[in-house]
Amino acid sequence: MTASFRELCTRLSDEDTAIRFLQEKGILHQQRLCTRGHAMKLTVERNGKAPRWRCRKAECKTEVSLRTGTWFEGLKLDFRTAVLFIYSWSNDYCSTKFCSKELGSTAIASAYGNNSYR
């Protein structure tokens, strides 16, 4: 059974939940290794800094954006809005007016998003 737009909005109450949802669906990495083969830890900070994978080994301390190596690389939308946009687009709810009003995107960003998902 598929969720309604309202149910999806409720389920994805914040960015952390949206990230976990995308990880469960295999769209975002659930784990990463640094270039030296060490396990990395996902860090989601509340200060507005983008989520990052970090190697905790003192000799390494490599950081990689959560978006790197996924089709989110280069997109500026937050993950929650992106999931809602994808849901809307897949259900033909994606007029620029709808996206601007319901997803908070500008008409230009909505049009860009429409083209990148085709």
PDB file of N, CA and C in Angstrom:
ATOM      1  N   MET A   1       0.844  -1.179   0.000  1.00  0.00           N
ATOM      2  CA  MET A   1       0.000   0.000   0.000  1.00  0.00           C
ATOM      3  C   MET A   1       0.890   1.242   0.000  1.00  0.00           C
ATOM      4  N   THR A   2       0.592   2.183  -0.842  1.00  0.00           N
ATOM      5  CA  THR A   2       1.383   3.408  -0.908  1.00  0.00           C
ATOM      6  C   THR A   2       0.796   4.464   0.014  1.00  0.00           C
ATOM      7  N   ALA A   3       1.669   5.301   0.505  1.00  0.00           N
ATOM      8  CA  ALA A   3       1.255   6.371   1.410  1.00  0.00           C
ATOM      9  C   ALA A   3       0.665   7.529   0.616  1.00  0.00           C
ATOM     10  N   SER A   4      -0.243   8.255   1.248  1.00  0.00           N
ATOM     11  CA  SER A   4      -0.761   9.475   0.635  1.00  0.00           C
ATOM     12  C   SER A   4       0.250  10.594   0.866  1.00  0.00           C
ATOM     13  N   PHE A   5       0.064  11.689   0.172  1.00  0.00           N
ATOM     14  CA  PHE A   5       0.951  12.843   0.353  1.00  0.00           C
ATOM     15  C   PHE A   5       0.930  13.294   1.811  1.00  0.00           C
ATOM     16  N   ARG A   6      -0.244  13.344   2.411  1.00  0.00           N
ATOM     17  CA  ARG A   6      -0.380  13.758   3.814  1.00  0.00           C
ATOM     18  C   ARG A   6       0.361  12.801   4.744  1.00  0.00           C
ATOM     19  N   GLU A   7       0.206  11.495   4.516  1.00  0.00           N
ATOM     20  CA  GLU A   7       0.898  10.505   5.342  1.00  0.00           C
ATOM     21  C   GLU A   7       2.412  10.630   5.206  1.00  0.00           C
ATOM     22  N   LEU A   8       2.869  10.860   3.991  1.00  0.00           N
ATOM     23  CA  LEU A   8       4.305  11.013   3.758  1.00  0.00           C
ATOM     24  C   LEU A   8       4.830  12.261   4.462  1.00  0.00           C
ATOM     25  N   CYS A   9       4.080  13.356   4.402  1.00  0.00           N
ATOM     26  CA  CYS A   9       4.479  14.588   5.099  1.00  0.00           C
ATOM     27  C   CYS A   9       4.598  14.346   6.602  1.00  0.00           C
ATOM     28  N   THR A  10       3.649  13.603   7.152  1.00  0.00           N
ATOM     29  CA  THR A  10       3.663  13.302   8.588  1.00  0.00           C
ATOM     30  C   THR A  10       4.819  12.370   8.934  1.00  0.00           C
ATOM     31  N   ARG A  11       4.997  11.333   8.122  1.00  0.00           N
ATOM     32  CA  ARG A  11       6.064  10.359   8.380  1.00  0.00           C
ATOM     33  C   ARG A  11       7.446  10.996   8.307  1.00  0.00           C
ATOM     34  N   LEU A  12       7.647  11.872   7.341  1.00  0.00           N
ATOM     35  CA  LEU A  12       8.943  12.531   7.166  1.00  0.00           C
ATOM     36  C   LEU A  12       8.910  13.882   7.874  1.00  0.00           C
ATOM     37  N   SER A  13       8.862  13.835   9.181  1.00  0.00           N
ATOM     38  CA  SER A  13       8.678  15.052   9.979  1.00  0.00           C
ATOM     39  C   SER A  13       9.900  15.961  10.004  1.00  0.00           C
ATOM     40  N   ASP A  14      11.078  15.409   9.722  1.00  0.00           N
ATOM     41  CA  ASP A  14      12.292  16.230   9.742  1.00  0.00           C
ATOM     42  C   ASP A  14      13.338  15.642   8.796  1.00  0.00           C
ATOM     43  N   GLU A  15      14.449  16.316   8.707  1.00  0.00           N
ATOM     44  CA  GLU A  15      15.513  15.925   7.774  1.00  0.00           C
ATOM     45  C   GLU A  15      16.118  14.566   8.145  1.00  0.00           C
ATOM     46  N   ASP A  16      16.302  14.302   9.437  1.00  0.00           N
ATOM     47  CA  ASP A  16      16.863  13.018   9.876  1.00  0.00           C
ATOM     48  C   ASP A  16      15.991  11.850   9.416  1.00  0.00           C
ATOM     49  N   THR A  17      14.683  12.004   9.570  1.00  0.00           N
ATOM     50  CA  THR A  17      13.749  10.960   9.163  1.00  0.00           C
ATOM     51  C   THR A  17      13.796  10.748   7.654  1.00  0.00           C
ATOM     52  N   ALA A  18      13.894  11.836   6.904  1.00  0.00           N
ATOM     53  CA  ALA A  18      13.980  11.734   5.442  1.00  0.00           C
ATOM     54  C   ALA A  18      15.263  11.011   5.027  1.00  0.00           C
ATOM     55  N   ILE A  19      16.365  11.305   5.702  1.00  0.00           N
ATOM     56  CA  ILE A  19      17.639  10.632   5.405  1.00  0.00           C
ATOM     57  C   ILE A  19      17.515   9.135   5.671  1.00  0.00           C
ATOM     58  N   ARG A  20      16.953   8.762   6.819  1.00  0.00           N
ATOM     59  CA  ARG A  20      16.775   7.336   7.135  1.00  0.00           C
ATOM     60  C   ARG A  20      15.864   6.657   6.100  1.00  0.00           C
ATOM     61  N   PHE A  21      14.801   7.338   5.696  1.00  0.00           N
ATOM     62  CA  PHE A  21      13.885   6.815   4.679  1.00  0.00           C
ATOM     63  C   PHE A  21      14.643   6.535   3.380  1.00  0.00           C
ATOM     64  N   LEU A  22      15.450   7.484   2.940  1.00  0.00           N
ATOM     65  CA  LEU A  22      16.219   7.320   1.701  1.00  0.00           C
ATOM     66  C   LEU A  22      17.283   6.232   1.835  1.00  0.00           C
ATOM     67  N   GLN A  23      17.845   6.071   3.031  1.00  0.00           N
ATOM     68  CA  GLN A  23      18.797   4.982   3.260  1.00  0.00           C
ATOM     69  C   GLN A  23      18.089   3.630   3.191  1.00  0.00           C
ATOM     70  N   GLU A  24      16.914   3.533   3.801  1.00  0.00           N
ATOM     71  CA  GLU A  24      16.147   2.285   3.772  1.00  0.00           C
ATOM     72  C   GLU A  24      15.776   1.891   2.347  1.00  0.00           C
ATOM     73  N   LYS A  25      15.532   2.870   1.505  1.00  0.00           N
ATOM     74  CA  LYS A  25      15.153   2.615   0.114  1.00  0.00           C
ATOM     75  C   LYS A  25      16.370   2.382  -0.782  1.00  0.00           C
ATOM     76  N   GLY A  26      17.587   2.493  -0.222  1.00  0.00           N
ATOM     77  CA  GLY A  26      18.804   2.254  -0.988  1.00  0.00           C
ATOM     78  C   GLY A  26      19.215   3.418  -1.876  1.00  0.00           C
ATOM     79  N   ILE A  27      18.649   4.587  -1.631  1.00  0.00           N
ATOM     80  CA  ILE A  27      18.971   5.764  -2.438  1.00  0.00           C
ATOM     81  C   ILE A  27      20.190   6.489  -1.876  1.00  0.00           C
ATOM     82  N   LEU A  28      20.310   6.518  -0.561  1.00  0.00           N
ATOM     83  CA  LEU A  28      21.501   7.058   0.105  1.00  0.00           C
ATOM     84  C   LEU A  28      22.268   5.906   0.744  1.00  0.00           C
ATOM     85  N   HIS A  29      23.573   6.062   0.849  1.00  0.00           N
ATOM     86  CA  HIS A  29      24.415   5.033   1.468  1.00  0.00           C
ATOM     87  C   HIS A  29      24.016   4.811   2.928  1.00  0.00           C
ATOM     88  N   GLN A  30      24.017   3.543   3.345  1.00  0.00           N
ATOM     89  CA  GLN A  30      23.798   3.223   4.751  1.00  0.00           C
ATOM     90  C   GLN A  30      25.117   3.159   5.502  1.00  0.00           C
ATOM     91  N   GLN A  31      26.185   2.926   4.764  1.00  0.00           N
ATOM     92  CA  GLN A  31      27.525   2.925   5.345  1.00  0.00           C
ATOM     93  C   GLN A  31      28.525   3.298   4.263  1.00  0.00           C
ATOM     94  N   ARG A  32      29.659   3.824   4.682  1.00  0.00           N
ATOM     95  CA  ARG A  32      30.711   4.220   3.737  1.00  0.00           C
ATOM     96  C   ARG A  32      32.058   3.878   4.334  1.00  0.00           C
ATOM     97  N   LEU A  33      33.030   3.685   3.459  1.00  0.00           N
ATOM     98  CA  LEU A  33      34.421   3.510   3.864  1.00  0.00           C
ATOM     99  C   LEU A  33      35.213   4.682   3.312  1.00  0.00           C
ATOM    100  N   CYS A  34      36.191   5.144   4.088  1.00  0.00           N
ATOM    101  CA  CYS A  34      37.054   6.214   3.600  1.00  0.00           C
ATOM    102  C   CYS A  34      38.034   5.632   2.578  1.00  0.00           C
ATOM    103  N   THR A  35      38.844   6.478   2.003  1.00  0.00           N
ATOM    104  CA  THR A  35      39.792   6.026   0.978  1.00  0.00           C
ATOM    105  C   THR A  35      40.832   5.057   1.533  1.00  0.00           C
ATOM    106  N   ARG A  36      41.007   5.048   2.856  1.00  0.00           N
ATOM    107  CA  ARG A  36      41.953   4.116   3.488  1.00  0.00           C
ATOM    108  C   ARG A  36      41.271   2.847   3.996  1.00  0.00           C
ATOM    109  N   GLY A  37      39.967   2.720   3.727  1.00  0.00           N
ATOM    110  CA  GLY A  37      39.248   1.505   4.102  1.00  0.00           C
ATOM    111  C   GLY A  37      38.643   1.499   5.491  1.00  0.00           C
ATOM    112  N   HIS A  38      38.655   2.626   6.187  1.00  0.00           N
ATOM    113  CA  HIS A  38      38.068   2.704   7.528  1.00  0.00           C
ATOM    114  C   HIS A  38      36.564   2.974   7.435  1.00  0.00           C
ATOM    115  N   ALA A  39      35.816   2.411   8.377  1.00  0.00           N
ATOM    116  CA  ALA A  39      34.379   2.683   8.441  1.00  0.00           C
ATOM    117  C   ALA A  39      34.161   4.149   8.802  1.00  0.00           C
ATOM    118  N   MET A  40      33.200   4.760   8.143  1.00  0.00           N
ATOM    119  CA  MET A  40      32.883   6.166   8.407  1.00  0.00           C
ATOM    120  C   MET A  40      31.567   6.245   9.174  1.00  0.00           C
ATOM    121  N   LYS A  41      31.394   7.354   9.893  1.00  0.00           N
ATOM    122  CA  LYS A  41      30.178   7.583  10.671  1.00  0.00           C
ATOM    123  C   LYS A  41      29.428   8.764  10.071  1.00  0.00           C
ATOM    124  N   LEU A  42      28.103   8.614   9.942  1.00  0.00           N
ATOM    125  CA  LEU A  42      27.280   9.703   9.424  1.00  0.00           C
ATOM    126  C   LEU A  42      27.047  10.729  10.522  1.00  0.00           C
ATOM    127  N   THR A  43      27.339  11.982  10.215  1.00  0.00           N
ATOM    128  CA  THR A  43      27.159  13.076  11.164  1.00  0.00           C
ATOM    129  C   THR A  43      26.138  14.051  10.600  1.00  0.00           C
ATOM    130  N   VAL A  44      25.051  14.238  11.339  1.00  0.00           N
ATOM    131  CA  VAL A  44      24.025  15.209  10.963  1.00  0.00           C
ATOM    132  C   VAL A  44      23.988  16.244  12.075  1.00  0.00           C
ATOM    133  N   GLU A  45      24.451  17.435  11.767  1.00  0.00           N
ATOM    134  CA  GLU A  45      24.545  18.494  12.769  1.00  0.00           C
ATOM    135  C   GLU A  45      23.339  19.416  12.688  1.00  0.00           C
ATOM    136  N   ARG A  46      23.019  20.047  13.782  1.00  0.00           N
ATOM    137  CA  ARG A  46      21.860  20.941  13.857  1.00  0.00           C
ATOM    138  C   ARG A  46      22.198  22.378  13.472  1.00  0.00           C
ATOM    139  N   ASN A  47      23.445  22.665  13.182  1.00  0.00           N
ATOM    140  CA  ASN A  47      23.868  24.044  12.925  1.00  0.00           C
ATOM    141  C   ASN A  47      23.741  24.456  11.459  1.00  0.00           C
ATOM    142  N   GLY A  48      23.062  23.645  10.661  1.00  0.00           N
ATOM    143  CA  GLY A  48      22.879  23.986   9.258  1.00  0.00           C
ATOM    144  C   GLY A  48      23.937  23.418   8.331  1.00  0.00           C
ATOM    145  N   LYS A  49      24.980  22.807   8.898  1.00  0.00           N
ATOM    146  CA  LYS A  49      26.014  22.192   8.065  1.00  0.00           C
ATOM    147  C   LYS A  49      25.452  20.918   7.427  1.00  0.00           C
ATOM    148  N   ALA A  50      25.793  20.695   6.176  1.00  0.00           N
ATOM    149  CA  ALA A  50      25.277  19.539   5.435  1.00  0.00           C
ATOM    150  C   ALA A  50      25.711  18.224   6.087  1.00  0.00           C
ATOM    151  N   PRO A  51      24.846  17.198   6.053  1.00  0.00           N
ATOM    152  CA  PRO A  51      25.210  15.884   6.604  1.00  0.00           C
ATOM    153  C   PRO A  51      26.449  15.336   5.901  1.00  0.00           C
ATOM    154  N   ARG A  52      27.343  14.711   6.697  1.00  0.00           N
ATOM    155  CA  ARG A  52      28.620  14.243   6.157  1.00  0.00           C
ATOM    156  C   ARG A  52      28.976  12.887   6.750  1.00  0.00           C
ATOM    157  N   TRP A  53      29.681  12.108   5.948  1.00  0.00           N
ATOM    158  CA  TRP A  53      30.314  10.894   6.438  1.00  0.00           C
ATOM    159  C   TRP A  53      31.702  11.301   6.922  1.00  0.00           C
ATOM    160  N   ARG A  54      32.073  10.860   8.125  1.00  0.00           N
ATOM    161  CA  ARG A  54      33.381  11.214   8.691  1.00  0.00           C
ATOM    162  C   ARG A  54      34.124   9.976   9.155  1.00  0.00           C
ATOM    163  N   CYS A  55      35.407   9.927   8.800  1.00  0.00           N
ATOM    164  CA  CYS A  55      36.284   8.883   9.316  1.00  0.00           C
ATOM    165  C   CYS A  55      36.781   9.357  10.674  1.00  0.00           C
ATOM    166  N   ARG A  56      36.663   8.512  11.676  1.00  0.00           N
ATOM    167  CA  ARG A  56      37.045   8.892  13.038  1.00  0.00           C
ATOM    168  C   ARG A  56      38.489   8.534  13.389  1.00  0.00           C
ATOM    169  N   LYS A  57      39.184   7.900  12.473  1.00  0.00           N
ATOM    170  CA  LYS A  57      40.579   7.545  12.742  1.00  0.00           C
ATOM    171  C   LYS A  57      41.427   8.809  12.769  1.00  0.00           C
ATOM    172  N   ALA A  58      42.240   8.957  13.789  1.00  0.00           N
ATOM    173  CA  ALA A  58      43.051  10.168  13.972  1.00  0.00           C
ATOM    174  C   ALA A  58      43.967  10.439  12.786  1.00  0.00           C
ATOM    175  N   GLU A  59      44.505   9.389  12.186  1.00  0.00           N
ATOM    176  CA  GLU A  59      45.435   9.580  11.070  1.00  0.00           C
ATOM    177  C   GLU A  59      44.716   9.877   9.751  1.00  0.00           C
ATOM    178  N   CYS A  60      43.409   9.815   9.743  1.00  0.00           N
ATOM    179  CA  CYS A  60      42.669   9.988   8.493  1.00  0.00           C
ATOM    180  C   CYS A  60      41.740  11.207   8.537  1.00  0.00           C
ATOM    181  N   LYS A  61      40.700  11.134   9.339  1.00  0.00           N
ATOM    182  CA  LYS A  61      39.703  12.208   9.492  1.00  0.00           C
ATOM    183  C   LYS A  61      39.111  12.704   8.175  1.00  0.00           C
ATOM    184  N   THR A  62      38.949  11.814   7.212  1.00  0.00           N
ATOM    185  CA  THR A  62      38.341  12.159   5.925  1.00  0.00           C
ATOM    186  C   THR A  62      36.864  12.493   6.115  1.00  0.00           C
ATOM    187  N   GLU A  63      36.367  13.445   5.336  1.00  0.00           N
ATOM    188  CA  GLU A  63      34.949  13.793   5.330  1.00  0.00           C
ATOM    189  C   GLU A  63      34.421  13.726   3.903  1.00  0.00           C
ATOM    190  N   VAL A  64      33.201  13.211   3.754  1.00  0.00           N
ATOM    191  CA  VAL A  64      32.548  13.118   2.450  1.00  0.00           C
ATOM    192  C   VAL A  64      31.086  13.518   2.640  1.00  0.00           C
ATOM    193  N   SER A  65      30.577  14.338   1.753  1.00  0.00           N
ATOM    194  CA  SER A  65      29.173  14.730   1.812  1.00  0.00           C
ATOM    195  C   SER A  65      28.274  13.505   1.672  1.00  0.00           C
ATOM    196  N   LEU A  66      27.165  13.503   2.373  1.00  0.00           N
ATOM    197  CA  LEU A  66      26.183  12.428   2.258  1.00  0.00           C
ATOM    198  C   LEU A  66      25.684  12.299   0.820  1.00  0.00           C
ATOM    199  N   ARG A  67      25.672  13.392   0.086  1.00  0.00           N
ATOM    200  CA  ARG A  67      25.178  13.415  -1.292  1.00  0.00           C
ATOM    201  C   ARG A  67      26.182  12.850  -2.304  1.00  0.00           C
ATOM    202  N   THR A  68      27.469  12.809  -1.951  1.00  0.00           N
ATOM    203  CA  THR A  68      28.514  12.367  -2.878  1.00  0.00           C
ATOM    204  C   THR A  68      28.259  10.936  -3.343  1.00  0.00           C
ATOM    205  N   GLY A  69      28.309  10.755  -4.658  1.00  0.00           N
ATOM    206  CA  GLY A  69      28.124   9.427  -5.225  1.00  0.00           C
ATOM    207  C   GLY A  69      26.671   8.997  -5.343  1.00  0.00           C
ATOM    208  N   THR A  70      25.744   9.911  -5.117  1.00  0.00           N
ATOM    209  CA  THR A  70      24.318   9.623  -5.285  1.00  0.00           C
ATOM    210  C   THR A  70      23.757  10.620  -6.281  1.00  0.00           C
ATOM    211  N   TRP A  71      22.535  10.415  -6.735  1.00  0.00           N
ATOM    212  CA  TRP A  71      21.984  11.387  -7.669  1.00  0.00           C
ATOM    213  C   TRP A  71      21.538  12.664  -6.983  1.00  0.00           C
ATOM    214  N   PHE A  72      21.721  12.757  -5.658  1.00  0.00           N
ATOM    215  CA  PHE A  72      21.500  14.016  -4.935  1.00  0.00           C
ATOM    216  C   PHE A  72      22.709  14.944  -5.042  1.00  0.00           C
ATOM    217  N   GLU A  73      23.828  14.421  -5.523  1.00  0.00           N
ATOM    218  CA  GLU A  73      25.028  15.239  -5.658  1.00  0.00           C
ATOM    219  C   GLU A  73      24.738  16.410  -6.600  1.00  0.00           C
ATOM    220  N   GLY A  74      24.966  17.606  -6.114  1.00  0.00           N
ATOM    221  CA  GLY A  74      24.716  18.807  -6.909  1.00  0.00           C
ATOM    222  C   GLY A  74      23.348  19.431  -6.690  1.00  0.00           C
ATOM    223  N   LEU A  75      22.397  18.688  -6.115  1.00  0.00           N
ATOM    224  CA  LEU A  75      21.078  19.261  -5.822  1.00  0.00           C
ATOM    225  C   LEU A  75      21.132  20.036  -4.513  1.00  0.00           C
ATOM    226  N   LYS A  76      20.424  21.137  -4.454  1.00  0.00           N
ATOM    227  CA  LYS A  76      20.436  21.983  -3.262  1.00  0.00           C
ATOM    228  C   LYS A  76      19.223  21.757  -2.361  1.00  0.00           C
ATOM    229  N   LEU A  77      18.225  21.007  -2.827  1.00  0.00           N
ATOM    230  CA  LEU A  77      17.035  20.753  -2.016  1.00  0.00           C
ATOM    231  C   LEU A  77      17.393  19.943  -0.779  1.00  0.00           C
ATOM    232  N   ASP A  78      16.722  20.239   0.340  1.00  0.00           N
ATOM    233  CA  ASP A  78      16.900  19.377   1.504  1.00  0.00           C
ATOM    234  C   ASP A  78      16.255  18.025   1.184  1.00  0.00           C
ATOM    235  N   PHE A  79      16.635  16.986   1.915  1.00  0.00           N
ATOM    236  CA  PHE A  79      16.194  15.631   1.601  1.00  0.00           C
ATOM    237  C   PHE A  79      14.687  15.457   1.770  1.00  0.00           C
ATOM    238  N   ARG A  80      14.102  16.061   2.796  1.00  0.00           N
ATOM    239  CA  ARG A  80      12.656  15.943   3.014  1.00  0.00           C
ATOM    240  C   ARG A  80      11.896  16.520   1.828  1.00  0.00           C
ATOM    241  N   THR A  81      12.268  17.719   1.413  1.00  0.00           N
ATOM    242  CA  THR A  81      11.603  18.350   0.274  1.00  0.00           C
ATOM    243  C   THR A  81      11.812  17.527  -0.990  1.00  0.00           C
ATOM    244  N   ALA A  82      13.004  16.972  -1.160  1.00  0.00           N
ATOM    245  CA  ALA A  82      13.286  16.152  -2.344  1.00  0.00           C
ATOM    246  C   ALA A  82      12.374  14.927  -2.394  1.00  0.00           C
ATOM    247  N   VAL A  83      12.185  14.252  -1.255  1.00  0.00           N
ATOM    248  CA  VAL A  83      11.305  13.078  -1.228  1.00  0.00           C
ATOM    249  C   VAL A  83       9.875  13.489  -1.573  1.00  0.00           C
ATOM    250  N   LEU A  84       9.411  14.584  -0.990  1.00  0.00           N
ATOM    251  CA  LEU A  84       8.054  15.052  -1.279  1.00  0.00           C
ATOM    252  C   LEU A  84       7.916  15.462  -2.745  1.00  0.00           C
ATOM    253  N   PHE A  85       8.966  16.068  -3.295  1.00  0.00           N
ATOM    254  CA  PHE A  85       8.951  16.438  -4.711  1.00  0.00           C
ATOM    255  C   PHE A  85       8.873  15.187  -5.587  1.00  0.00           C
ATOM    256  N   ILE A  86       9.693  14.187  -5.287  1.00  0.00           N
ATOM    257  CA  ILE A  86       9.699  12.952  -6.076  1.00  0.00           C
ATOM    258  C   ILE A  86       8.320  12.287  -6.021  1.00  0.00           C
ATOM    259  N   TYR A  87       7.739  12.236  -4.821  1.00  0.00           N
ATOM    260  CA  TYR A  87       6.395  11.667  -4.673  1.00  0.00           C
ATOM    261  C   TYR A  87       5.397  12.452  -5.521  1.00  0.00           C
ATOM    262  N   SER A  88       5.449  13.767  -5.416  1.00  0.00           N
ATOM    263  CA  SER A  88       4.524  14.631  -6.162  1.00  0.00           C
ATOM    264  C   SER A  88       4.703  14.451  -7.660  1.00  0.00           C
ATOM    265  N   TRP A  89       5.949  14.452  -8.103  1.00  0.00           N
ATOM    266  CA  TRP A  89       6.253  14.301  -9.528  1.00  0.00           C
ATOM    267  C   TRP A  89       5.751  12.958 -10.049  1.00  0.00           C
ATOM    268  N   SER A  90       5.967  11.893  -9.273  1.00  0.00           N
ATOM    269  CA  SER A  90       5.565  10.558  -9.728  1.00  0.00           C
ATOM    270  C   SER A  90       4.048  10.391  -9.763  1.00  0.00           C
ATOM    271  N   ASN A  91       3.331  11.270  -9.065  1.00  0.00           N
ATOM    272  CA  ASN A  91       1.867  11.240  -9.067  1.00  0.00           C
ATOM    273  C   ASN A  91       1.264  12.382  -9.882  1.00  0.00           C
ATOM    274  N   ASP A  92       2.076  12.999 -10.730  1.00  0.00           N
ATOM    275  CA  ASP A  92       1.635  14.095 -11.606  1.00  0.00           C
ATOM    276  C   ASP A  92       1.055  15.285 -10.846  1.00  0.00           C
ATOM    277  N   TYR A  93       1.608  15.584  -9.655  1.00  0.00           N
ATOM    278  CA  TYR A  93       1.177  16.754  -8.891  1.00  0.00           C
ATOM    279  C   TYR A  93       2.154  17.905  -9.068  1.00  0.00           C
ATOM    280  N   CYS A  94       2.974  17.872 -10.094  1.00  0.00           N
ATOM    281  CA  CYS A  94       4.128  18.763 -10.135  1.00  0.00           C
ATOM    282  C   CYS A  94       4.022  19.993 -11.014  1.00  0.00           C
ATOM    283  N   SER A  95       2.940  20.695 -10.931  1.00  0.00           N
ATOM    284  CA  SER A  95       2.946  21.994 -11.596  1.00  0.00           C
ATOM    285  C   SER A  95       3.885  22.895 -10.794  1.00  0.00           C
ATOM    286  N   THR A  96       4.420  23.900 -11.422  1.00  0.00           N
ATOM    287  CA  THR A  96       5.301  24.809 -10.684  1.00  0.00           C
ATOM    288  C   THR A  96       4.529  25.527  -9.585  1.00  0.00           C
ATOM    289  N   LYS A  97       3.249  25.771  -9.804  1.00  0.00           N
ATOM    290  CA  LYS A  97       2.417  26.413  -8.774  1.00  0.00           C
ATOM    291  C   LYS A  97       2.321  25.514  -7.540  1.00  0.00           C
ATOM    292  N   PHE A  98       2.064  24.212  -7.753  1.00  0.00           N
ATOM    293  CA  PHE A  98       1.984  23.273  -6.639  1.00  0.00           C
ATOM    294  C   PHE A  98       3.310  23.215  -5.884  1.00  0.00           C
ATOM    295  N   CYS A  99       4.410  23.064  -6.624  1.00  0.00           N
ATOM    296  CA  CYS A  99       5.725  22.961  -5.984  1.00  0.00           C
ATOM    297  C   CYS A  99       6.063  24.221  -5.204  1.00  0.00           C
ATOM    298  N   SER A 100       5.766  25.367  -5.780  1.00  0.00           N
ATOM    299  CA  SER A 100       6.060  26.628  -5.098  1.00  0.00           C
ATOM    300  C   SER A 100       5.247  26.757  -3.821  1.00  0.00           C
ATOM    301  N   LYS A 101       3.974  26.417  -3.896  1.00  0.00           N
ATOM    302  CA  LYS A 101       3.091  26.572  -2.737  1.00  0.00           C
ATOM    303  C   LYS A 101       3.324  25.496  -1.679  1.00  0.00           C
ATOM    304  N   GLU A 102       3.334  24.238  -2.087  1.00  0.00           N
ATOM    305  CA  GLU A 102       3.372  23.133  -1.137  1.00  0.00           C
ATOM    306  C   GLU A 102       4.769  22.719  -0.698  1.00  0.00           C
ATOM    307  N   LEU A 103       5.758  22.898  -1.557  1.00  0.00           N
ATOM    308  CA  LEU A 103       7.108  22.442  -1.233  1.00  0.00           C
ATOM    309  C   LEU A 103       8.065  23.585  -0.948  1.00  0.00           C
ATOM    310  N   GLY A 104       7.587  24.813  -1.111  1.00  0.00           N
ATOM    311  CA  GLY A 104       8.416  25.964  -0.803  1.00  0.00           C
ATOM    312  C   GLY A 104       9.484  26.246  -1.834  1.00  0.00           C
ATOM    313  N   SER A 105       9.405  25.614  -2.979  1.00  0.00           N
ATOM    314  CA  SER A 105      10.394  25.838  -4.028  1.00  0.00           C
ATOM    315  C   SER A 105       9.981  27.027  -4.872  1.00  0.00           C
ATOM    316  N   THR A 106      10.928  27.705  -5.434  1.00  0.00           N
ATOM    317  CA  THR A 106      10.603  28.754  -6.394  1.00  0.00           C
ATOM    318  C   THR A 106      10.215  28.090  -7.701  1.00  0.00           C
ATOM    319  N   ALA A 107       9.545  28.810  -8.546  1.00  0.00           N
ATOM    320  CA  ALA A 107       9.138  28.253  -9.838  1.00  0.00           C
ATOM    321  C   ALA A 107      10.352  27.813 -10.646  1.00  0.00           C
ATOM    322  N   ILE A 108      11.434  28.563 -10.565  1.00  0.00           N
ATOM    323  CA  ILE A 108      12.646  28.208 -11.316  1.00  0.00           C
ATOM    324  C   ILE A 108      13.233  26.904 -10.789  1.00  0.00           C
ATOM    325  N   ALA A 109      13.321  26.774  -9.471  1.00  0.00           N
ATOM    326  CA  ALA A 109      13.865  25.547  -8.885  1.00  0.00           C
ATOM    327  C   ALA A 109      12.971  24.361  -9.213  1.00  0.00           C
ATOM    328  N   SER A 110      11.666  24.574  -9.213  1.00  0.00           N
ATOM    329  CA  SER A 110      10.739  23.495  -9.553  1.00  0.00           C
ATOM    330  C   SER A 110      10.953  23.035 -10.979  1.00  0.00           C
ATOM    331  N   ALA A 111      11.108  23.977 -11.886  1.00  0.00           N
ATOM    332  CA  ALA A 111      11.333  23.627 -13.291  1.00  0.00           C
ATOM    333  C   ALA A 111      12.654  22.887 -13.445  1.00  0.00           C
ATOM    334  N   TYR A 112      13.699  23.345 -12.752  1.00  0.00           N
ATOM    335  CA  TYR A 112      14.995  22.669 -12.802  1.00  0.00           C
ATOM    336  C   TYR A 112      14.843  21.243 -12.299  1.00  0.00           C
ATOM    337  N   GLY A 113      14.141  21.086 -11.171  1.00  0.00           N
ATOM    338  CA  GLY A 113      13.934  19.759 -10.606  1.00  0.00           C
ATOM    339  C   GLY A 113      13.173  18.857 -11.549  1.00  0.00           C
ATOM    340  N   ASN A 114      12.130  19.380 -12.180  1.00  0.00           N
ATOM    341  CA  ASN A 114      11.360  18.599 -13.146  1.00  0.00           C
ATOM    342  C   ASN A 114      12.257  18.055 -14.242  1.00  0.00           C
ATOM    343  N   ASN A 115      13.136  18.871 -14.777  1.00  0.00           N
ATOM    344  CA  ASN A 115      14.018  18.447 -15.868  1.00  0.00           C
ATOM    345  C   ASN A 115      15.049  17.434 -15.410  1.00  0.00           C
ATOM    346  N   SER A 116      15.552  17.552 -14.192  1.00  0.00           N
ATOM    347  CA  SER A 116      16.615  16.651 -13.747  1.00  0.00           C
ATOM    348  C   SER A 116      16.104  15.257 -13.405  1.00  0.00           C
ATOM    349  N   TYR A 117      14.800  15.097 -13.192  1.00  0.00           N
ATOM    350  CA  TYR A 117      14.253  13.786 -12.852  1.00  0.00           C
ATOM    351  C   TYR A 117      13.749  13.025 -14.069  1.00  0.00           C
ATOM    352  N   ARG A 118      13.804  13.627 -15.233  1.00  0.00           N
ATOM    353  CA  ARG A 118      13.315  12.953 -16.448  1.00  0.00           C
ATOM    354  C   ARG A 118      14.343  12.015 -17.000  1.00  0.00           C
TER     355      ARG A 118
END
